[in-house]
């Protein structure tokens, strides 16, 4: 009797432990969950924490709520002018509606990626088809992908319960038949810009050179005018000084001027002078005190 009672107690404890372990469940911080009753969703988007369920009747499905990455296949797209580009891209996505995600994919991540991938391919094909090749090359990739990211995000939220956070372009290549034409166009464009810059620089150089030449002429004219003025003032002052000095001793300055004339006249060995010895030129050679000189000095 005692053994039967002990067995019943042990069995009861085991049943209670099983019920307790199957009634409580934990949703991790990196997860979101839904509760099902015989396959029907009865509670959606269960947040992280400790929760209760009815054993056997309820089942819980958890999904990764972190940002996930889908690396898409390299694809070939046509631009607005029907030129091909080869694009390698990837997508950042995240589950935001666990219930809708479960209904669309049965909670399978690979199934979700198989549904997202063709939509991304379609969005990129439409986006590149709106742009010319030059715009694709010149435009920043973040700006290039903003429109398809926004449009695809709205569609995927409704259809799959996932958010498309970002579509990133890893690489854009050109087919061999297009590469040479693009390089040639870029080279032509750069040559044209270089010619424009050189022409603008030449024009600026001519303006600067002409302005410098004009300023040079003005400065020279001003300097010449000032020099002539100073020279005239100097000559006038020198003449005034000579005149005053000449008036102090007239005969001495006549003698001094004659000595300078003799010096200049007989400076060269080959010089020949034909003059009358009684000429006034030799007055101070004939006599240091020519007639009238003594009287002038005495007076």
Protein backbone atom coordinates (compact mmCIF):
# COMPACT_ATOMS: atom_id res chain seq x y z
CA UNK A 1 0.00 0.00 0.00
CA UNK A 2 2.81 2.29 0.91
CA UNK A 3 4.65 1.46 -2.31
CA UNK A 4 1.58 2.24 -4.42
CA UNK A 5 1.15 5.55 -2.64
CA UNK A 6 4.82 6.43 -3.20
CA UNK A 7 4.54 5.60 -6.84
CA UNK A 8 1.47 7.83 -7.15
CA UNK A 9 3.32 10.69 -5.45
CA UNK A 10 6.34 10.29 -7.71
CA UNK A 11 4.12 10.10 -10.78
CA UNK A 12 2.24 13.20 -9.69
CA UNK A 13 5.44 15.14 -9.14
CA UNK A 14 6.71 14.05 -12.56
CA UNK A 15 3.46 15.14 -14.19
CA UNK A 16 3.61 18.51 -12.44
CA UNK A 17 7.26 18.95 -13.50
CA UNK A 18 6.41 18.09 -17.08
CA UNK A 19 3.42 20.45 -17.10
CA UNK A 20 5.51 23.21 -15.58
CA UNK A 21 8.40 22.79 -18.00
CA UNK A 22 6.06 22.75 -20.97
CA UNK A 23 3.92 25.64 -19.76
CA UNK A 24 6.71 28.19 -19.43
CA UNK A 25 8.97 29.38 -22.23
CA UNK A 26 11.51 32.14 -22.74
CA UNK A 27 11.87 34.42 -25.77
CA UNK A 28 15.44 35.69 -26.18
CA UNK A 29 16.33 39.36 -26.77
CA UNK A 30 17.36 38.56 -30.34
CA UNK A 31 14.08 36.77 -31.11
CA UNK A 32 10.38 37.37 -31.72
CA UNK A 33 7.75 34.64 -31.33
CA UNK A 34 4.19 33.63 -32.14
CA UNK A 35 1.88 31.25 -30.24
CA UNK A 36 -0.18 28.66 -32.13
CA UNK A 37 -3.18 26.57 -31.13
CA UNK A 38 -3.36 23.53 -33.34
CA UNK A 39 -1.59 25.50 -36.12
CA UNK A 40 -3.71 28.65 -35.76
CA UNK A 41 -2.03 31.86 -34.60
CA UNK A 42 -3.50 32.98 -31.28
CA UNK A 43 -0.80 35.44 -30.22
CA UNK A 44 1.51 37.37 -32.59
CA UNK A 45 4.76 39.24 -32.10
CA UNK A 46 5.56 38.00 -28.60
CA UNK A 47 8.25 40.19 -27.08
CA UNK A 48 11.36 38.94 -25.22
CA UNK A 49 10.81 37.57 -21.73
CA UNK A 50 9.21 34.71 -19.79
CA UNK A 51 5.77 33.60 -21.07
CA UNK A 52 3.10 30.91 -20.41
CA UNK A 53 1.44 28.44 -22.79
CA UNK A 54 -0.91 25.51 -22.52
CA UNK A 55 0.99 22.23 -23.01
CA UNK A 56 0.06 20.10 -26.00
CA UNK A 57 -2.58 22.65 -27.11
CA UNK A 58 -0.17 25.54 -27.72
CA UNK A 59 3.08 25.57 -29.65
CA UNK A 60 5.54 28.47 -29.94
CA UNK A 61 7.62 29.42 -33.00
CA UNK A 62 10.56 31.79 -32.55
CA UNK A 63 12.26 33.80 -35.28
CA UNK A 64 15.55 35.67 -35.48
CA UNK A 65 14.77 39.38 -35.02
CA UNK A 66 18.24 40.62 -35.87
CA UNK A 67 19.22 42.32 -39.14
CA UNK A 68 19.88 39.63 -41.73
CA UNK A 69 21.89 39.80 -44.94
CA UNK A 70 20.89 38.38 -48.30
CA UNK A 71 23.75 38.25 -50.81
CA UNK A 72 22.04 38.32 -54.22
CA UNK A 73 23.41 36.86 -57.44
CA UNK A 74 25.30 39.07 -59.88
CA UNK A 75 22.82 40.31 -62.49
CA UNK A 76 22.94 42.07 -65.84
CA UNK A 77 20.71 45.14 -66.28
CA UNK A 78 20.03 47.53 -69.17
CA UNK A 79 20.27 51.30 -68.75
CA UNK A 80 17.95 53.88 -70.28
CA UNK A 81 20.02 53.95 -73.48
CA UNK A 82 19.99 50.12 -73.60
CA UNK A 83 23.57 49.65 -72.42
CA UNK A 84 24.31 46.71 -70.17
CA UNK A 85 25.80 46.90 -66.67
CA UNK A 86 26.73 43.99 -64.41
CA UNK A 87 25.65 44.61 -60.81
CA UNK A 88 26.64 42.76 -57.63
CA UNK A 89 24.48 43.68 -54.62
CA UNK A 90 23.24 42.56 -51.19
CA UNK A 91 20.16 43.30 -49.05
CA UNK A 92 19.74 44.03 -45.35
CA UNK A 93 16.36 42.83 -44.07
CA UNK A 94 14.60 42.19 -40.78
CA UNK A 95 11.44 40.45 -39.54
CA UNK A 96 8.95 43.05 -38.27
CA UNK A 97 5.65 41.11 -38.40
CA UNK A 98 6.21 37.52 -37.15
CA UNK A 99 2.64 36.45 -37.85
CA UNK A 100 2.65 37.52 -41.48
CA UNK A 101 6.19 36.18 -41.90
CA UNK A 102 5.03 32.77 -40.60
CA UNK A 103 2.00 32.72 -42.89
CA UNK A 104 4.09 33.60 -45.95
CA UNK A 105 7.16 31.46 -45.33
CA UNK A 106 6.18 28.94 -42.60
CA UNK A 107 9.00 30.53 -40.61
CA UNK A 108 11.66 29.29 -43.01
CA UNK A 109 14.48 31.79 -43.61
CA UNK A 110 15.55 30.20 -46.90
CA UNK A 111 11.99 30.44 -48.19
CA UNK A 112 11.93 34.13 -47.26
CA UNK A 113 15.19 34.77 -49.13
CA UNK A 114 13.85 32.95 -52.20
CA UNK A 115 10.84 35.32 -52.16
CA UNK A 116 12.90 38.48 -51.50
CA UNK A 117 15.61 37.84 -54.11
CA UNK A 118 13.44 38.15 -57.29
CA UNK A 119 11.77 41.27 -55.89
CA UNK A 120 15.18 42.87 -55.35
CA UNK A 121 16.20 41.89 -58.88
CA UNK A 122 13.03 43.47 -60.28
CA UNK A 123 13.51 46.69 -58.27
CA UNK A 124 17.11 47.06 -59.43
CA UNK A 125 16.16 46.31 -63.04
CA UNK A 126 13.51 49.05 -62.95
CA UNK A 127 15.85 51.53 -61.27
CA UNK A 128 18.75 51.04 -63.70
CA UNK A 129 16.31 51.17 -66.61
CA UNK A 130 15.42 54.77 -65.63
CA UNK A 131 19.00 56.05 -65.70
CA UNK A 132 21.63 56.64 -68.33
CA UNK A 133 25.04 55.06 -67.95
CA UNK A 134 26.72 58.37 -67.19
CA UNK A 135 24.26 59.01 -64.35
CA UNK A 136 24.89 55.56 -62.88
CA UNK A 137 28.64 56.09 -62.91
CA UNK A 138 28.53 59.64 -61.57
CA UNK A 139 25.73 59.29 -59.01
CA UNK A 140 26.45 58.21 -55.44
CA UNK A 141 25.34 54.65 -54.73
CA UNK A 142 23.38 55.59 -51.58
CA UNK A 143 21.26 58.00 -53.61
CA UNK A 144 20.96 55.48 -56.42
CA UNK A 145 19.45 52.83 -54.11
CA UNK A 146 17.21 55.03 -51.93
CA UNK A 147 14.15 54.83 -54.20
CA UNK A 148 14.14 51.03 -54.82
CA UNK A 149 14.83 50.39 -51.13
CA UNK A 150 11.83 52.47 -50.06
CA UNK A 151 9.48 50.93 -52.63
CA UNK A 152 10.55 47.35 -51.93
CA UNK A 153 10.30 47.90 -48.17
CA UNK A 154 6.63 48.85 -48.44
CA UNK A 155 5.85 45.78 -50.58
CA UNK A 156 7.74 43.30 -48.41
CA UNK A 157 6.11 44.55 -45.19
CA UNK A 158 2.70 43.78 -46.64
CA UNK A 159 3.56 40.47 -48.32
CA UNK A 160 6.16 38.87 -46.04
CA UNK A 161 6.15 40.89 -42.83
CA UNK A 162 9.81 41.85 -43.29
CA UNK A 163 11.44 45.26 -43.59
CA UNK A 164 13.98 45.97 -46.33
CA UNK A 165 16.45 48.16 -44.49
CA UNK A 166 18.97 48.70 -47.25
CA UNK A 167 19.97 47.60 -50.73
CA UNK A 168 23.69 48.00 -51.24
CA UNK A 169 25.67 47.89 -54.47
CA UNK A 170 28.99 46.12 -53.97
CA UNK A 171 30.19 46.50 -57.52
CA UNK A 172 29.09 47.81 -60.91
CA UNK A 173 30.98 46.50 -63.92
CA UNK A 174 30.62 47.12 -67.60
CA UNK A 175 30.67 44.44 -70.29
CA UNK A 176 33.79 44.42 -72.42
CA UNK A 177 31.93 45.85 -75.42
CA UNK A 178 30.75 48.83 -73.37
CA UNK A 179 33.87 49.52 -71.31
CA UNK A 180 35.95 50.92 -74.17
CA UNK A 181 33.15 53.21 -75.35
CA UNK A 182 32.66 54.54 -71.82
CA UNK A 183 36.36 55.15 -71.33
CA UNK A 184 36.52 56.95 -74.68
CA UNK A 185 33.59 59.15 -73.74
CA UNK A 186 35.13 59.92 -70.36
CA UNK A 187 38.44 60.73 -72.04
CA UNK A 188 36.73 63.06 -74.52
CA UNK A 189 34.83 64.76 -71.72
CA UNK A 190 38.00 65.28 -69.69
CA UNK A 191 39.83 66.69 -72.73
CA UNK A 192 36.96 69.13 -73.31
CA UNK A 193 37.02 70.25 -69.69
CA UNK A 194 40.81 70.61 -69.84
CA UNK A 195 40.54 72.80 -72.96
CA UNK A 196 37.94 74.96 -71.24
CA UNK A 197 40.11 75.34 -68.15
CA UNK A 198 43.15 76.18 -70.26
CA UNK A 199 41.17 78.78 -72.24
CA UNK A 200 39.88 80.33 -69.04
CA UNK A 201 43.39 80.37 -67.61
CA UNK A 202 44.78 81.95 -70.78
CA UNK A 203 42.08 84.62 -70.65
CA UNK A 204 42.84 85.36 -67.02
CA UNK A 205 46.57 85.44 -67.80
CA UNK A 206 46.02 87.96 -70.62
CA UNK A 207 43.95 90.16 -68.34
CA UNK A 208 46.57 90.02 -65.59
CA UNK A 209 49.37 90.64 -68.09
CA UNK A 210 47.55 93.61 -69.66
CA UNK A 211 46.77 95.07 -66.25
CA UNK A 212 50.40 94.65 -65.15
CA UNK A 213 51.66 96.29 -68.36
CA UNK A 214 49.27 99.19 -67.89
CA UNK A 215 50.38 99.67 -64.31
CA UNK A 216 54.01 99.43 -65.46
CA UNK A 217 53.50 102.19 -68.02
CA UNK A 218 51.74 104.37 -65.45
CA UNK A 219 54.49 103.81 -62.89
CA UNK A 220 57.22 104.55 -65.46
CA UNK A 221 55.44 107.69 -66.60
CA UNK A 222 54.99 108.85 -63.04
CA UNK A 223 58.62 108.04 -62.24
CA UNK A 224 59.82 109.82 -65.41
CA UNK A 225 57.75 112.87 -64.57
CA UNK A 226 59.05 112.91 -61.02
CA UNK A 227 62.64 112.40 -62.23
CA UNK A 228 62.33 115.27 -64.73
CA UNK A 229 60.87 117.46 -62.02
CA UNK A 230 63.67 116.57 -59.58
CA UNK A 231 66.27 116.97 -62.33
CA UNK A 232 64.92 120.39 -63.23
CA UNK A 233 64.87 121.42 -59.60
CA UNK A 234 68.44 120.13 -59.19
CA UNK A 235 69.64 121.95 -62.31
CA UNK A 236 67.95 125.13 -61.15
CA UNK A 237 69.49 124.82 -57.72
CA UNK A 238 72.92 124.04 -59.20
CA UNK A 239 72.65 127.03 -61.54
CA UNK A 240 71.67 129.21 -58.61
CA UNK A 241 74.65 127.95 -56.57
CA UNK A 242 77.02 128.46 -59.54
CA UNK A 243 75.64 131.93 -60.11
CA UNK A 244 76.10 132.93 -56.49
CA UNK A 245 79.60 131.48 -56.41
CA UNK A 246 80.46 133.15 -59.74
CA UNK A 247 79.38 136.51 -58.41
CA UNK A 248 81.70 136.21 -55.40
CA UNK A 249 84.92 136.12 -57.56
CA UNK A 250 84.32 136.49 -61.26
CA UNK A 251 87.95 136.40 -62.34
CA UNK A 252 88.70 133.23 -60.35
CA UNK A 253 85.87 131.35 -62.01
CA UNK A 254 87.05 132.54 -65.40
CA UNK A 255 90.49 131.15 -64.58
CA UNK A 256 88.98 127.88 -63.27
CA UNK A 257 86.89 127.41 -66.41
CA UNK A 258 89.95 128.07 -68.61
CA UNK A 259 91.99 125.44 -66.76
CA UNK A 260 89.21 122.89 -67.29
CA UNK A 261 89.10 123.81 -70.96
CA UNK A 262 92.89 123.35 -71.27
CA UNK A 263 92.62 119.99 -69.54
CA UNK A 264 89.89 118.77 -71.87
CA UNK A 265 91.56 120.14 -75.01
CA UNK A 266 95.03 118.67 -74.42
CA UNK A 267 93.91 115.38 -72.91
CA UNK A 268 94.61 113.23 -76.01
CA UNK A 269 98.15 112.75 -77.29
CA UNK A 270 97.02 112.84 -80.91
CA UNK A 271 94.90 115.96 -80.50
CA UNK A 272 95.79 118.85 -82.79
CA UNK A 273 94.62 122.42 -82.21
CA UNK A 274 95.17 125.20 -84.72
CA UNK A 275 94.66 128.56 -82.99
CA UNK A 276 96.15 132.04 -82.99
CA UNK A 277 98.62 132.25 -80.09
CA UNK A 278 97.18 135.66 -79.26
CA UNK A 279 93.70 134.17 -79.04
CA UNK A 280 91.67 134.85 -75.92
CA UNK A 281 91.74 131.05 -75.35
CA UNK A 282 95.43 131.30 -74.28
CA UNK A 283 95.04 134.40 -72.15
CA UNK A 284 95.85 132.52 -68.90
CA UNK A 285 98.73 130.61 -70.51
CA UNK A 286 100.40 133.83 -71.57
CA UNK A 287 99.93 135.56 -68.22
CA UNK A 288 98.42 134.41 -64.97
CA UNK A 289 97.18 137.95 -64.51
CA UNK A 290 95.86 139.08 -67.90
CA UNK A 291 95.14 142.72 -68.46
CA UNK A 292 92.47 144.00 -66.23
CA UNK A 293 92.76 141.00 -63.90
CA UNK A 294 94.87 142.76 -61.31
CA UNK A 295 92.65 145.79 -61.37
CA UNK A 296 89.63 143.55 -60.91
CA UNK A 297 91.28 141.75 -58.00
CA UNK A 298 92.45 145.01 -56.48
CA UNK A 299 89.11 146.56 -56.72
